[in-house]
């Protein structure tokens, strides 16, 4: 193999490795973008439905408190 052929093969291998590195970085970047979009959608939904979420949470806390109080009354008696 001549010196020129060796240089061409070496250049081709380096180019392929460079392309592989670029492609793998894009996959990671797109995953970050998807995660950020999902977080933004979740925050937006929380802002839109905050009154309903507050009502549900208050009802849940009241139910849990009432159940715990009923259980405590049964233990004390």
Protein backbone atom coordinates (compact mmCIF):
# COMPACT_ATOMS: atom_id res chain seq x y z
CA UNK A 1 0.00 0.00 0.00
CA UNK A 2 1.42 3.35 -0.91
CA UNK A 3 1.74 6.26 1.50
CA UNK A 4 -1.06 8.13 -0.30
CA UNK A 5 -3.43 5.17 0.01
CA UNK A 6 -2.64 4.88 3.73
CA UNK A 7 -3.41 8.57 4.20
CA UNK A 8 -6.73 8.23 2.35
CA UNK A 9 -7.77 5.23 4.46
CA UNK A 10 -6.73 7.03 7.66
CA UNK A 11 -8.70 10.14 6.66
CA UNK A 12 -11.78 8.08 5.86
CA UNK A 13 -11.64 6.35 9.26
CA UNK A 14 -11.25 9.67 11.07
CA UNK A 15 -14.17 11.15 9.12
CA UNK A 16 -16.41 8.20 9.99
CA UNK A 17 -15.54 8.50 13.69
CA UNK A 18 -16.25 12.24 13.57
CA UNK A 19 -19.65 11.64 11.98
CA UNK A 20 -20.48 9.02 14.60
CA UNK A 21 -19.61 11.47 17.39
CA UNK A 22 -21.81 14.16 15.87
CA UNK A 23 -24.74 11.78 15.48
CA UNK A 24 -24.50 10.53 19.06
CA UNK A 25 -24.44 14.10 20.44
CA UNK A 26 -27.58 14.99 18.52
CA UNK A 27 -29.43 12.05 20.06
CA UNK A 28 -28.54 13.29 23.54
CA UNK A 29 -29.53 16.84 22.72
CA UNK A 30 -32.92 15.78 21.39
CA UNK A 31 -33.62 13.86 24.59
CA UNK A 32 -32.93 16.98 26.63
CA UNK A 33 -35.27 19.00 24.41
CA UNK A 34 -38.02 16.41 24.81
CA UNK A 35 -37.59 16.43 28.60
CA UNK A 36 -37.78 20.23 28.71
CA UNK A 37 -40.91 20.29 26.55
CA UNK A 38 -42.60 17.72 28.80
CA UNK A 39 -41.70 19.73 31.90
CA UNK A 40 -43.09 22.89 30.29
CA UNK A 41 -46.35 21.10 29.41
CA UNK A 42 -46.68 19.77 32.98
CA UNK A 43 -46.10 23.21 34.49
CA UNK A 44 -48.60 24.73 32.06
CA UNK A 45 -51.25 22.17 32.99
CA UNK A 46 -50.64 22.81 36.69
CA UNK A 47 -51.12 26.54 36.16
CA UNK A 48 -54.30 26.04 34.13
CA UNK A 49 -55.87 23.56 36.55
CA UNK A 50 -54.47 24.93 39.84
CA UNK A 51 -57.95 25.55 41.36
CA UNK A 52 -59.07 22.01 40.62
CA UNK A 53 -55.79 20.60 41.95
CA UNK A 54 -56.17 22.64 45.17
CA UNK A 55 -59.73 21.38 45.64
CA UNK A 56 -58.68 17.76 45.11
CA UNK A 57 -55.75 18.11 47.51
CA UNK A 58 -57.92 19.72 50.22
CA UNK A 59 -60.51 16.93 49.89
CA UNK A 60 -57.78 14.31 50.06
CA UNK A 61 -56.20 15.85 53.15
CA UNK A 62 -59.61 16.17 54.85
CA UNK A 63 -60.41 12.53 54.08
CA UNK A 64 -57.06 11.34 55.41
CA UNK A 65 -57.41 13.47 58.54
CA UNK A 66 -60.93 12.19 59.19
CA UNK A 67 -59.82 8.58 58.72
CA UNK A 68 -56.87 9.01 61.06
CA UNK A 69 -59.11 10.65 63.68
CA UNK A 70 -61.63 7.80 63.40
CA UNK A 71 -58.84 5.25 63.81
CA UNK A 72 -57.45 7.13 66.80
CA UNK A 73 -60.89 7.25 68.46
CA UNK A 74 -61.17 3.49 68.05
CA UNK A 75 -57.79 2.94 69.73
CA UNK A 76 -58.53 5.29 72.65
CA UNK A 77 -61.90 3.76 73.44
